[in-house]
All heavy atoms as atom14 arrays in JSON, in Angstrom:
{
  "sequence": "TLNPISAAITLAVAGFVATPVLAEDADTNSDIESITVTA",
  "atom14_mask": [
    [1, 1, 1, 1, 1, 1, 1, 0, 0, 0, 0, 0, 0, 0],
    [1, 1, 1, 1, 1, 1, 1, 1, 0, 0, 0, 0, 0, 0],
    [1, 1, 1, 1, 1, 1, 1, 1, 0, 0, 0, 0, 0, 0],
    [1, 1, 1, 1, 1, 1, 1, 0, 0, 0, 0, 0, 0, 0],
    [1, 1, 1, 1, 1, 1, 1, 1, 0, 0, 0, 0, 0, 0],
    [1, 1, 1, 1, 1, 1, 0, 0, 0, 0, 0, 0, 0, 0],
    [1, 1, 1, 1, 1, 0, 0, 0, 0, 0, 0, 0, 0, 0],
    [1, 1, 1, 1, 1, 0, 0, 0, 0, 0, 0, 0, 0, 0],
    [1, 1, 1, 1, 1, 1, 1, 1, 0, 0, 0, 0, 0, 0],
    [1, 1, 1, 1, 1, 1, 1, 0, 0, 0, 0, 0, 0, 0],
    [1, 1, 1, 1, 1, 1, 1, 1, 0, 0, 0, 0, 0, 0],
    [1, 1, 1, 1, 1, 0, 0, 0, 0, 0, 0, 0, 0, 0],
    [1, 1, 1, 1, 1, 1, 1, 0, 0, 0, 0, 0, 0, 0],
    [1, 1, 1, 1, 1, 0, 0, 0, 0, 0, 0, 0, 0, 0],
    [1, 1, 1, 1, 0, 0, 0, 0, 0, 0, 0, 0, 0, 0],
    [1, 1, 1, 1, 1, 1, 1, 1, 1, 1, 1, 0, 0, 0],
    [1, 1, 1, 1, 1, 1, 1, 0, 0, 0, 0, 0, 0, 0],
    [1, 1, 1, 1, 1, 0, 0, 0, 0, 0, 0, 0, 0, 0],
    [1, 1, 1, 1, 1, 1, 1, 0, 0, 0, 0, 0, 0, 0],
    [1, 1, 1, 1, 1, 1, 1, 0, 0, 0, 0, 0, 0, 0],
    [1, 1, 1, 1, 1, 1, 1, 0, 0, 0, 0, 0, 0, 0],
    [1, 1, 1, 1, 1, 1, 1, 1, 0, 0, 0, 0, 0, 0],
    [1, 1, 1, 1, 1, 0, 0, 0, 0, 0, 0, 0, 0, 0],
    [1, 1, 1, 1, 1, 1, 1, 1, 1, 0, 0, 0, 0, 0],
    [1, 1, 1, 1, 1, 1, 1, 1, 0, 0, 0, 0, 0, 0],
    [1, 1, 1, 1, 1, 0, 0, 0, 0, 0, 0, 0, 0, 0],
    [1, 1, 1, 1, 1, 1, 1, 1, 0, 0, 0, 0, 0, 0],
    [1, 1, 1, 1, 1, 1, 1, 0, 0, 0, 0, 0, 0, 0],
    [1, 1, 1, 1, 1, 1, 1, 1, 0, 0, 0, 0, 0, 0],
    [1, 1, 1, 1, 1, 1, 0, 0, 0, 0, 0, 0, 0, 0],
    [1, 1, 1, 1, 1, 1, 1, 1, 0, 0, 0, 0, 0, 0],
    [1, 1, 1, 1, 1, 1, 1, 1, 0, 0, 0, 0, 0, 0],
    [1, 1, 1, 1, 1, 1, 1, 1, 1, 0, 0, 0, 0, 0],
    [1, 1, 1, 1, 1, 1, 0, 0, 0, 0, 0, 0, 0, 0],
    [1, 1, 1, 1, 1, 1, 1, 1, 0, 0, 0, 0, 0, 0],
    [1, 1, 1, 1, 1, 1, 1, 0, 0, 0, 0, 0, 0, 0],
    [1, 1, 1, 1, 1, 1, 1, 0, 0, 0, 0, 0, 0, 0],
    [1, 1, 1, 1, 1, 1, 1, 0, 0, 0, 0, 0, 0, 0],
    [1, 1, 1, 1, 1, 0, 0, 0, 0, 0, 0, 0, 0, 0]
  ],
  "atom14_positions": [
    [[-42.83, 67.91, 95.07], [-42.37, 67.09, 93.96], [-42.01, 65.67, 94.36], [-41.88, 64.81, 93.52], [-41.14, 67.73, 93.3], [-40.18, 68.03, 94.31], [-41.53, 69.0, 92.57], [0.0, 0.0, 0.0], [0.0, 0.0, 0.0], [0.0, 0.0, 0.0], [0.0, 0.0, 0.0], [0.0, 0.0, 0.0], [0.0, 0.0, 0.0], [0.0, 0.0, 0.0]],
    [[-41.8, 65.41, 95.64], [-41.5, 64.06, 96.09], [-42.7, 63.48, 96.83], [-43.58, 64.2, 97.29], [-40.28, 64.05, 97.02], [-38.93, 64.35, 96.36], [-37.84, 64.3, 97.42], [-38.63, 63.35, 95.27], [0.0, 0.0, 0.0], [0.0, 0.0, 0.0], [0.0, 0.0, 0.0], [0.0, 0.0, 0.0], [0.0, 0.0, 0.0], [0.0, 0.0, 0.0]],
    [[-42.72, 62.15, 96.95], [-43.83, 61.54, 97.67], [-43.71, 61.84, 99.16], [-42.66, 62.27, 99.65], [-43.88, 60.03, 97.39], [-42.61, 59.32, 97.82], [-42.07, 59.6, 98.88], [-42.15, 58.39, 96.99], [0.0, 0.0, 0.0], [0.0, 0.0, 0.0], [0.0, 0.0, 0.0], [0.0, 0.0, 0.0], [0.0, 0.0, 0.0], [0.0, 0.0, 0.0]],
    [[-44.75, 61.64, 99.94], [-44.73, 62.02, 101.35], [-43.63, 61.36, 102.15], [-43.07, 61.97, 103.06], [-46.12, 61.58, 101.84], [-46.98, 61.6, 100.61], [-46.08, 61.18, 99.5], [0.0, 0.0, 0.0], [0.0, 0.0, 0.0], [0.0, 0.0, 0.0], [0.0, 0.0, 0.0], [0.0, 0.0, 0.0], [0.0, 0.0, 0.0], [0.0, 0.0, 0.0]],
    [[-43.3, 60.11, 101.84], [-42.24, 59.44, 102.61], [-40.91, 60.14, 102.4], [-40.19, 60.43, 103.36], [-42.15, 57.96, 102.2], [-43.44, 57.22, 102.59], [-40.94, 57.29, 102.83], [-43.48, 55.79, 102.13], [0.0, 0.0, 0.0], [0.0, 0.0, 0.0], [0.0, 0.0, 0.0], [0.0, 0.0, 0.0], [0.0, 0.0, 0.0], [0.0, 0.0, 0.0]],
    [[-40.59, 60.45, 101.14], [-39.32, 61.12, 100.86], [-39.3, 62.5, 101.5], [-38.27, 62.94, 102.03], [-39.1, 61.25, 99.35], [-38.98, 59.98, 98.78], [0.0, 0.0, 0.0], [0.0, 0.0, 0.0], [0.0, 0.0, 0.0], [0.0, 0.0, 0.0], [0.0, 0.0, 0.0], [0.0, 0.0, 0.0], [0.0, 0.0, 0.0], [0.0, 0.0, 0.0]],
    [[-40.42, 63.21, 101.42], [-40.47, 64.55, 102.02], [-40.25, 64.48, 103.53], [-39.55, 65.3, 104.11], [-41.81, 65.21, 101.71], [0.0, 0.0, 0.0], [0.0, 0.0, 0.0], [0.0, 0.0, 0.0], [0.0, 0.0, 0.0], [0.0, 0.0, 0.0], [0.0, 0.0, 0.0], [0.0, 0.0, 0.0], [0.0, 0.0, 0.0], [0.0, 0.0, 0.0]],
    [[-40.85, 63.46, 104.16], [-40.68, 63.32, 105.6], [-39.23, 63.02, 105.96], [-38.68, 63.56, 106.93], [-41.59, 62.19, 106.12], [0.0, 0.0, 0.0], [0.0, 0.0, 0.0], [0.0, 0.0, 0.0], [0.0, 0.0, 0.0], [0.0, 0.0, 0.0], [0.0, 0.0, 0.0], [0.0, 0.0, 0.0], [0.0, 0.0, 0.0], [0.0, 0.0, 0.0]],
    [[-38.58, 62.18, 105.15], [-37.18, 61.89, 105.41], [-36.34, 63.14, 105.26], [-35.42, 63.41, 106.04], [-36.68, 60.78, 104.45], [-37.41, 59.47, 104.74], [-35.18, 60.57, 104.59], [-37.1, 58.37, 103.76], [0.0, 0.0, 0.0], [0.0, 0.0, 0.0], [0.0, 0.0, 0.0], [0.0, 0.0, 0.0], [0.0, 0.0, 0.0], [0.0, 0.0, 0.0]],
    [[-36.66, 63.94, 104.24], [-35.92, 65.18, 104.01], [-36.02, 66.1, 105.22], [-35.02, 66.64, 105.7], [-36.47, 65.91, 102.78], [-36.46, 65.02, 101.68], [-35.64, 67.13, 102.45], [0.0, 0.0, 0.0], [0.0, 0.0, 0.0], [0.0, 0.0, 0.0], [0.0, 0.0, 0.0], [0.0, 0.0, 0.0], [0.0, 0.0, 0.0], [0.0, 0.0, 0.0]],
    [[-37.24, 66.3, 105.73], [-37.42, 67.18, 106.88], [-36.73, 66.62, 108.11], [-36.15, 67.37, 108.91], [-38.92, 67.36, 107.14], [-39.69, 68.13, 106.05], [-41.18, 68.07, 106.34], [-39.22, 69.57, 105.99], [0.0, 0.0, 0.0], [0.0, 0.0, 0.0], [0.0, 0.0, 0.0], [0.0, 0.0, 0.0], [0.0, 0.0, 0.0], [0.0, 0.0, 0.0]],
    [[-36.74, 65.29, 108.24], [-36.08, 64.68, 109.39], [-34.58, 64.91, 109.34], [-33.94, 65.23, 110.34], [-36.38, 63.17, 109.44], [0.0, 0.0, 0.0], [0.0, 0.0, 0.0], [0.0, 0.0, 0.0], [0.0, 0.0, 0.0], [0.0, 0.0, 0.0], [0.0, 0.0, 0.0], [0.0, 0.0, 0.0], [0.0, 0.0, 0.0], [0.0, 0.0, 0.0]],
    [[-34.0, 64.73, 108.13], [-32.56, 64.96, 107.99], [-32.23, 66.41, 108.26], [-31.26, 66.74, 108.92], [-32.09, 64.52, 106.6], [-30.64, 64.93, 106.37], [-32.23, 63.03, 106.43], [0.0, 0.0, 0.0], [0.0, 0.0, 0.0], [0.0, 0.0, 0.0], [0.0, 0.0, 0.0], [0.0, 0.0, 0.0], [0.0, 0.0, 0.0], [0.0, 0.0, 0.0]],
    [[-33.07, 67.33, 107.73], [-32.83, 68.75, 107.95], [-32.86, 69.07, 109.45], [-32.03, 69.83, 109.96], [-33.87, 69.59, 107.21], [0.0, 0.0, 0.0], [0.0, 0.0, 0.0], [0.0, 0.0, 0.0], [0.0, 0.0, 0.0], [0.0, 0.0, 0.0], [0.0, 0.0, 0.0], [0.0, 0.0, 0.0], [0.0, 0.0, 0.0], [0.0, 0.0, 0.0]],
    [[-33.81, 68.5, 110.18], [-33.87, 68.73, 111.61], [-32.7, 68.11, 112.33], [-32.15, 68.69, 113.28], [0.0, 0.0, 0.0], [0.0, 0.0, 0.0], [0.0, 0.0, 0.0], [0.0, 0.0, 0.0], [0.0, 0.0, 0.0], [0.0, 0.0, 0.0], [0.0, 0.0, 0.0], [0.0, 0.0, 0.0], [0.0, 0.0, 0.0], [0.0, 0.0, 0.0]],
    [[-32.27, 66.93, 111.87], [-31.14, 66.26, 112.49], [-29.87, 67.09, 112.36], [-29.08, 67.2, 113.29], [-30.96, 64.89, 111.83], [-29.86, 64.06, 112.41], [-29.83, 63.76, 113.76], [-28.85, 63.57, 111.59], [-28.82, 62.98, 114.28], [-27.84, 62.81, 112.12], [-27.83, 62.5, 113.46], [0.0, 0.0, 0.0], [0.0, 0.0, 0.0], [0.0, 0.0, 0.0]],
    [[-29.68, 67.68, 111.17], [-28.49, 68.48, 110.94], [-28.44, 69.68, 111.87], [-27.38, 70.13, 112.28], [-28.45, 68.94, 109.46], [-27.36, 69.97, 109.25], [-28.24, 67.76, 108.55], [0.0, 0.0, 0.0], [0.0, 0.0, 0.0], [0.0, 0.0, 0.0], [0.0, 0.0, 0.0], [0.0, 0.0, 0.0], [0.0, 0.0, 0.0], [0.0, 0.0, 0.0]],
    [[-29.61, 70.21, 112.23], [-29.65, 71.42, 113.05], [-29.4, 71.16, 114.53], [-29.24, 72.09, 115.3], [-31.01, 72.1, 112.89], [0.0, 0.0, 0.0], [0.0, 0.0, 0.0], [0.0, 0.0, 0.0], [0.0, 0.0, 0.0], [0.0, 0.0, 0.0], [0.0, 0.0, 0.0], [0.0, 0.0, 0.0], [0.0, 0.0, 0.0], [0.0, 0.0, 0.0]],
    [[-29.36, 69.89, 114.93], [-29.22, 69.61, 116.36], [-27.81, 69.85, 116.83], [-26.84, 69.64, 116.1], [-29.61, 68.14, 116.65], [-28.76, 67.3, 115.87], [-31.05, 67.87, 116.31], [0.0, 0.0, 0.0], [0.0, 0.0, 0.0], [0.0, 0.0, 0.0], [0.0, 0.0, 0.0], [0.0, 0.0, 0.0], [0.0, 0.0, 0.0], [0.0, 0.0, 0.0]],
    [[-27.63, 70.28, 118.08], [-26.29, 70.6, 118.6], [-25.35, 69.42, 118.64], [-24.14, 69.61, 118.67], [-26.58, 71.13, 120.01], [-28.03, 71.49, 120.02], [-28.69, 70.58, 119.05], [0.0, 0.0, 0.0], [0.0, 0.0, 0.0], [0.0, 0.0, 0.0], [0.0, 0.0, 0.0], [0.0, 0.0, 0.0], [0.0, 0.0, 0.0], [0.0, 0.0, 0.0]],
    [[-25.87, 68.19, 118.64], [-25.0, 67.05, 118.78], [-23.99, 66.96, 117.65], [-22.94, 66.35, 117.78], [-25.83, 65.74, 118.86], [-26.43, 65.4, 117.52], [-24.96, 64.58, 119.36], [0.0, 0.0, 0.0], [0.0, 0.0, 0.0], [0.0, 0.0, 0.0], [0.0, 0.0, 0.0], [0.0, 0.0, 0.0], [0.0, 0.0, 0.0], [0.0, 0.0, 0.0]],
    [[-24.28, 67.61, 116.5], [-23.37, 67.55, 115.37], [-22.37, 68.69, 115.37], [-21.58, 68.81, 114.44], [-24.16, 67.59, 114.05], [-25.03, 66.38, 113.79], [-25.76, 66.55, 112.49], [-24.17, 65.13, 113.76], [0.0, 0.0, 0.0], [0.0, 0.0, 0.0], [0.0, 0.0, 0.0], [0.0, 0.0, 0.0], [0.0, 0.0, 0.0], [0.0, 0.0, 0.0]],
    [[-22.4, 69.52, 116.36], [-21.53, 70.69, 116.34], [-20.1, 70.33, 116.72], [-19.55, 70.78, 117.7], [-22.07, 71.75, 117.3], [0.0, 0.0, 0.0], [0.0, 0.0, 0.0], [0.0, 0.0, 0.0], [0.0, 0.0, 0.0], [0.0, 0.0, 0.0], [0.0, 0.0, 0.0], [0.0, 0.0, 0.0], [0.0, 0.0, 0.0], [0.0, 0.0, 0.0]],
    [[-19.49, 69.42, 115.91], [-18.11, 69.04, 116.13], [-17.19, 70.16, 115.66], [-17.53, 70.94, 114.78], [-17.79, 67.75, 115.33], [-18.7, 66.58, 115.67], [-18.26, 65.88, 116.93], [-17.19, 66.22, 117.45], [-18.99, 64.99, 117.39], [0.0, 0.0, 0.0], [0.0, 0.0, 0.0], [0.0, 0.0, 0.0], [0.0, 0.0, 0.0], [0.0, 0.0, 0.0]],
    [[-16.02, 70.21, 116.2], [-15.03, 71.19, 115.76], [-14.64, 70.88, 114.32], [-14.29, 69.77, 113.98], [-13.8, 71.08, 116.66], [-12.75, 72.15, 116.35], [-12.88, 72.81, 115.31], [-11.83, 72.31, 117.17], [0.0, 0.0, 0.0], [0.0, 0.0, 0.0], [0.0, 0.0, 0.0], [0.0, 0.0, 0.0], [0.0, 0.0, 0.0], [0.0, 0.0, 0.0]],
    [[-14.74, 71.89, 113.45], [-14.44, 71.69, 112.04], [-13.0, 71.27, 111.81], [-12.66, 70.7, 110.78], [-14.73, 72.97, 111.25], [0.0, 0.0, 0.0], [0.0, 0.0, 0.0], [0.0, 0.0, 0.0], [0.0, 0.0, 0.0], [0.0, 0.0, 0.0], [0.0, 0.0, 0.0], [0.0, 0.0, 0.0], [0.0, 0.0, 0.0], [0.0, 0.0, 0.0]],
    [[-12.12, 71.53, 112.77], [-10.71, 71.19, 112.61], [-10.37, 69.82, 113.17], [-9.21, 69.43, 113.21], [-9.83, 72.25, 113.28], [-9.97, 73.61, 112.61], [-10.2, 73.65, 111.39], [-9.85, 74.62, 113.32], [0.0, 0.0, 0.0], [0.0, 0.0, 0.0], [0.0, 0.0, 0.0], [0.0, 0.0, 0.0], [0.0, 0.0, 0.0], [0.0, 0.0, 0.0]],
    [[-11.37, 69.1, 113.67], [-11.12, 67.78, 114.24], [-10.47, 66.88, 113.21], [-10.87, 66.85, 112.05], [-12.44, 67.15, 114.71], [-13.01, 68.0, 115.69], [-12.18, 65.78, 115.31], [0.0, 0.0, 0.0], [0.0, 0.0, 0.0], [0.0, 0.0, 0.0], [0.0, 0.0, 0.0], [0.0, 0.0, 0.0], [0.0, 0.0, 0.0], [0.0, 0.0, 0.0]],
    [[-9.46, 66.13, 113.62], [-8.8, 65.23, 112.68], [-9.79, 64.18, 112.19], [-10.59, 63.65, 112.95], [-7.61, 64.54, 113.36], [-6.49, 65.51, 113.65], [-6.3, 66.47, 112.9], [-5.75, 65.26, 114.72], [0.0, 0.0, 0.0], [0.0, 0.0, 0.0], [0.0, 0.0, 0.0], [0.0, 0.0, 0.0], [0.0, 0.0, 0.0], [0.0, 0.0, 0.0]],
    [[-9.7, 63.89, 110.91], [-10.63, 62.95, 110.3], [-9.94, 61.63, 110.04], [-8.77, 61.58, 109.67], [-11.17, 63.52, 108.99], [-11.94, 62.56, 108.32], [0.0, 0.0, 0.0], [0.0, 0.0, 0.0], [0.0, 0.0, 0.0], [0.0, 0.0, 0.0], [0.0, 0.0, 0.0], [0.0, 0.0, 0.0], [0.0, 0.0, 0.0], [0.0, 0.0, 0.0]],
    [[-10.67, 60.53, 110.23], [-10.17, 59.21, 109.89], [-10.48, 58.87, 108.44], [-10.1, 57.8, 107.96], [-10.83, 58.15, 110.79], [-10.44, 58.35, 112.26], [-9.34, 58.86, 112.49], [-11.25, 58.0, 113.13], [0.0, 0.0, 0.0], [0.0, 0.0, 0.0], [0.0, 0.0, 0.0], [0.0, 0.0, 0.0], [0.0, 0.0, 0.0], [0.0, 0.0, 0.0]],
    [[-11.19, 59.74, 107.72], [-11.65, 59.47, 106.37], [-11.04, 60.5, 105.43], [-11.14, 61.71, 105.66], [-13.18, 59.52, 106.29], [-13.78, 58.48, 107.25], [-13.65, 59.27, 104.87], [-15.26, 58.61, 107.44], [0.0, 0.0, 0.0], [0.0, 0.0, 0.0], [0.0, 0.0, 0.0], [0.0, 0.0, 0.0], [0.0, 0.0, 0.0], [0.0, 0.0, 0.0]],
    [[-10.42, 60.04, 104.36], [-9.8, 60.94, 103.4], [-10.86, 61.56, 102.5], [-11.73, 60.87, 101.97], [-8.79, 60.17, 102.55], [-8.1, 61.04, 101.51], [-7.15, 60.23, 100.64], [-7.05, 59.01, 100.87], [-6.54, 60.82, 99.74], [0.0, 0.0, 0.0], [0.0, 0.0, 0.0], [0.0, 0.0, 0.0], [0.0, 0.0, 0.0], [0.0, 0.0, 0.0]],
    [[-10.83, 62.88, 102.34], [-11.75, 63.58, 101.46], [-11.18, 63.58, 100.04], [-10.01, 63.91, 99.84], [-11.97, 65.02, 101.93], [-12.58, 65.03, 103.2], [0.0, 0.0, 0.0], [0.0, 0.0, 0.0], [0.0, 0.0, 0.0], [0.0, 0.0, 0.0], [0.0, 0.0, 0.0], [0.0, 0.0, 0.0], [0.0, 0.0, 0.0], [0.0, 0.0, 0.0]],
    [[-12.0, 63.23, 99.07], [-11.56, 63.18, 97.68], [-11.8, 64.53, 97.03], [-12.87, 65.13, 97.18], [-12.32, 62.08, 96.91], [-12.0, 60.71, 97.51], [-11.96, 62.1, 95.43], [-12.74, 59.57, 96.84], [0.0, 0.0, 0.0], [0.0, 0.0, 0.0], [0.0, 0.0, 0.0], [0.0, 0.0, 0.0], [0.0, 0.0, 0.0], [0.0, 0.0, 0.0]],
    [[-10.81, 65.02, 96.32], [-10.96, 66.23, 95.53], [-11.41, 65.85, 94.13], [-10.83, 64.96, 93.5], [-9.64, 67.01, 95.46], [-9.27, 67.4, 96.78], [-9.78, 68.25, 94.6], [0.0, 0.0, 0.0], [0.0, 0.0, 0.0], [0.0, 0.0, 0.0], [0.0, 0.0, 0.0], [0.0, 0.0, 0.0], [0.0, 0.0, 0.0], [0.0, 0.0, 0.0]],
    [[-12.47, 66.52, 93.63], [-13.04, 66.18, 92.34], [-13.05, 67.43, 91.45], [-12.86, 68.55, 91.92], [-14.47, 65.64, 92.49], [-14.47, 64.33, 93.26], [-15.38, 66.66, 93.15], [0.0, 0.0, 0.0], [0.0, 0.0, 0.0], [0.0, 0.0, 0.0], [0.0, 0.0, 0.0], [0.0, 0.0, 0.0], [0.0, 0.0, 0.0], [0.0, 0.0, 0.0]],
    [[-13.28, 67.19, 90.17], [-13.35, 68.29, 89.2], [-14.68, 68.27, 88.46], [-14.76, 68.66, 87.3], [-12.19, 68.19, 88.2], [-12.19, 66.88, 87.61], [-10.87, 68.44, 88.88], [0.0, 0.0, 0.0], [0.0, 0.0, 0.0], [0.0, 0.0, 0.0], [0.0, 0.0, 0.0], [0.0, 0.0, 0.0], [0.0, 0.0, 0.0], [0.0, 0.0, 0.0]],
    [[-15.73, 67.81, 89.13], [-17.03, 67.66, 88.49], [-17.56, 68.99, 87.94], [-18.26, 69.01, 86.92], [-18.03, 67.08, 89.48], [0.0, 0.0, 0.0], [0.0, 0.0, 0.0], [0.0, 0.0, 0.0], [0.0, 0.0, 0.0], [0.0, 0.0, 0.0], [0.0, 0.0, 0.0], [0.0, 0.0, 0.0], [0.0, 0.0, 0.0], [0.0, 0.0, 0.0]]
  ]
}
């Protein structure tokens, strides 16, 4: 449903997410406040 460029970006992001470099501890203190929404 998307053009080839968008599809390629999607697959690249999916592969990037799977890499071990992102395996930070979920409890790590964050410098960014998470907003709670009611969408």
